[in-house]
């Protein structure tokens, strides 16, 4: 009789460990899914931040290049006007 009780108790213990193990697996899986979701959200935010910074940098570079082009155009106009004035001084006709 004690053997039967011992075998039954061992069977219940194994069943209890198996159930506990499944619960631990489920909790581990949930934690992994949560971590993956958090990582994905963080990476998405990082990509958005990098995109915004790139857009700002490229916009600033474009503005700087436009300002440089305008300065060169103005300088060229001033040089041209100066040459015209010098030519008029040399040959007023």
C-alpha atoms as a PDB file:
ATOM      1  CA  UNK A   1       0.000   0.000   0.000  1.00  0.00           C
ATOM      2  CA  UNK A   2       2.793   2.385   0.798  1.00  0.00           C
ATOM      3  CA  UNK A   3       4.347   1.691  -2.576  1.00  0.00           C
ATOM      4  CA  UNK A   4       1.134   2.680  -4.320  1.00  0.00           C
ATOM      5  CA  UNK A   5       0.897   5.847  -2.221  1.00  0.00           C
ATOM      6  CA  UNK A   6       4.552   6.615  -2.908  1.00  0.00           C
ATOM      7  CA  UNK A   7       4.106   6.124  -6.657  1.00  0.00           C
ATOM      8  CA  UNK A   8       0.956   8.269  -6.610  1.00  0.00           C
ATOM      9  CA  UNK A   9       2.755  11.005  -4.674  1.00  0.00           C
ATOM     10  CA  UNK A  10       5.675  10.873  -7.103  1.00  0.00           C
ATOM     11  CA  UNK A  11       3.243  11.089 -10.008  1.00  0.00           C
ATOM     12  CA  UNK A  12       1.569  14.136  -8.496  1.00  0.00           C
ATOM     13  CA  UNK A  13       4.951  15.731  -7.867  1.00  0.00           C
ATOM     14  CA  UNK A  14       5.982  15.188 -11.503  1.00  0.00           C
ATOM     15  CA  UNK A  15       2.646  16.572 -12.701  1.00  0.00           C
ATOM     16  CA  UNK A  16       3.052  19.587 -10.419  1.00  0.00           C
ATOM     17  CA  UNK A  17       6.560  20.253 -11.743  1.00  0.00           C
ATOM     18  CA  UNK A  18       5.367  19.922 -15.324  1.00  0.00           C
ATOM     19  CA  UNK A  19       2.568  22.425 -14.699  1.00  0.00           C
ATOM     20  CA  UNK A  20       4.956  24.761 -12.922  1.00  0.00           C
ATOM     21  CA  UNK A  21       7.409  24.434 -15.780  1.00  0.00           C
ATOM     22  CA  UNK A  22       4.730  25.346 -18.349  1.00  0.00           C
ATOM     23  CA  UNK A  23       3.777  28.394 -16.292  1.00  0.00           C
ATOM     24  CA  UNK A  24       7.434  29.423 -16.132  1.00  0.00           C
ATOM     25  CA  UNK A  25       7.712  28.943 -19.881  1.00  0.00           C
ATOM     26  CA  UNK A  26       4.621  31.082 -20.451  1.00  0.00           C
ATOM     27  CA  UNK A  27       5.962  33.827 -18.199  1.00  0.00           C
ATOM     28  CA  UNK A  28       9.349  33.701 -19.920  1.00  0.00           C
ATOM     29  CA  UNK A  29       7.641  33.908 -23.295  1.00  0.00           C
ATOM     30  CA  UNK A  30       5.564  36.890 -22.139  1.00  0.00           C
ATOM     31  CA  UNK A  31       8.671  38.632 -20.841  1.00  0.00           C
ATOM     32  CA  UNK A  32      10.468  37.991 -24.141  1.00  0.00           C
ATOM     33  CA  UNK A  33       7.520  39.356 -26.120  1.00  0.00           C
ATOM     34  CA  UNK A  34       7.379  42.447 -23.918  1.00  0.00           C
ATOM     35  CA  UNK A  35      11.110  42.989 -24.293  1.00  0.00           C
ATOM     36  CA  UNK A  36      10.861  42.564 -28.071  1.00  0.00           C
ATOM     37  CA  UNK A  37       7.991  45.068 -28.243  1.00  0.00           C
ATOM     38  CA  UNK A  38       9.921  47.572 -26.114  1.00  0.00           C
ATOM     39  CA  UNK A  39      13.013  47.106 -28.285  1.00  0.00           C
ATOM     40  CA  UNK A  40      10.979  47.596 -31.447  1.00  0.00           C
ATOM     41  CA  UNK A  41       9.383  50.774 -30.078  1.00  0.00           C
ATOM     42  CA  UNK A  42      12.761  52.125 -28.979  1.00  0.00           C
ATOM     43  CA  UNK A  43      14.315  51.370 -32.367  1.00  0.00           C
ATOM     44  CA  UNK A  44      11.362  52.987 -34.142  1.00  0.00           C
ATOM     45  CA  UNK A  45      11.799  56.120 -32.049  1.00  0.00           C
ATOM     46  CA  UNK A  46      15.548  56.105 -32.743  1.00  0.00           C
ATOM     47  CA  UNK A  47      14.946  55.812 -36.485  1.00  0.00           C
ATOM     48  CA  UNK A  48      12.492  58.710 -36.330  1.00  0.00           C
ATOM     49  CA  UNK A  49      15.021  60.800 -34.385  1.00  0.00           C
ATOM     50  CA  UNK A  50      17.770  60.043 -36.901  1.00  0.00           C
ATOM     51  CA  UNK A  51      15.447  60.871 -39.806  1.00  0.00           C
ATOM     52  CA  UNK A  52      14.495  64.194 -38.218  1.00  0.00           C
ATOM     53  CA  UNK A  53      18.126  65.064 -37.471  1.00  0.00           C
ATOM     54  CA  UNK A  54      19.110  64.173 -41.043  1.00  0.00           C
ATOM     55  CA  UNK A  55      16.309  66.315 -42.457  1.00  0.00           C
ATOM     56  CA  UNK A  56      17.361  69.235 -40.248  1.00  0.00           C
ATOM     57  CA  UNK A  57      21.025  68.864 -41.190  1.00  0.00           C
ATOM     58  CA  UNK A  58      20.288  68.610 -44.901  1.00  0.00           C
ATOM     59  CA  UNK A  59      17.915  71.577 -44.688  1.00  0.00           C
ATOM     60  CA  UNK A  60      20.570  73.650 -42.945  1.00  0.00           C
ATOM     61  CA  UNK A  61      23.150  72.612 -45.540  1.00  0.00           C
ATOM     62  CA  UNK A  62      20.794  73.559 -48.375  1.00  0.00           C
ATOM     63  CA  UNK A  63      20.122  76.946 -46.765  1.00  0.00           C
ATOM     64  CA  UNK A  64      23.851  77.522 -46.350  1.00  0.00           C
ATOM     65  CA  UNK A  65      24.530  76.603 -49.971  1.00  0.00           C
ATOM     66  CA  UNK A  66      21.754  78.935 -51.142  1.00  0.00           C
ATOM     67  CA  UNK A  67      23.190  81.775 -49.053  1.00  0.00           C
ATOM     68  CA  UNK A  68      26.657  81.089 -50.493  1.00  0.00           C
ATOM     69  CA  UNK A  69      25.262  81.106 -54.013  1.00  0.00           C
ATOM     70  CA  UNK A  70      23.494  84.400 -53.336  1.00  0.00           C
ATOM     71  CA  UNK A  71      26.712  85.903 -51.946  1.00  0.00           C
ATOM     72  CA  UNK A  72      28.658  84.796 -55.012  1.00  0.00           C
ATOM     73  CA  UNK A  73      25.962  86.227 -57.266  1.00  0.00           C
ATOM     74  CA  UNK A  74      26.046  89.552 -55.414  1.00  0.00           C
ATOM     75  CA  UNK A  75      29.850  89.661 -55.516  1.00  0.00           C
ATOM     76  CA  UNK A  76      29.808  88.929 -59.236  1.00  0.00           C
ATOM     77  CA  UNK A  77      27.326  91.758 -59.776  1.00  0.00           C
ATOM     78  CA  UNK A  78      29.512  94.154 -57.765  1.00  0.00           C
ATOM     79  CA  UNK A  79      32.610  93.152 -59.750  1.00  0.00           C
ATOM     80  CA  UNK A  80      30.712  93.581 -62.996  1.00  0.00           C
ATOM     81  CA  UNK A  81      29.446  96.997 -61.921  1.00  0.00           C
ATOM     82  CA  UNK A  82      32.987  97.979 -60.888  1.00  0.00           C
ATOM     83  CA  UNK A  83      34.376  96.877 -64.247  1.00  0.00           C
ATOM     84  CA  UNK A  84      31.651  98.821 -66.060  1.00  0.00           C
ATOM     85  CA  UNK A  85      32.471 101.925 -64.029  1.00  0.00           C
ATOM     86  CA  UNK A  86      36.210 101.484 -64.695  1.00  0.00           C
ATOM     87  CA  UNK A  87      35.535 101.048 -68.397  1.00  0.00           C
ATOM     88  CA  UNK A  88      33.424 104.205 -68.402  1.00  0.00           C
ATOM     89  CA  UNK A  89      36.214 106.100 -66.660  1.00  0.00           C
ATOM     90  CA  UNK A  90      38.737 104.941 -69.268  1.00  0.00           C
ATOM     91  CA  UNK A  91      36.510 105.465 -72.289  1.00  0.00           C
ATOM     92  CA  UNK A  92      33.525 107.642 -71.444  1.00  0.00           C
ATOM     93  CA  UNK A  93      31.969 107.122 -74.908  1.00  0.00           C
END
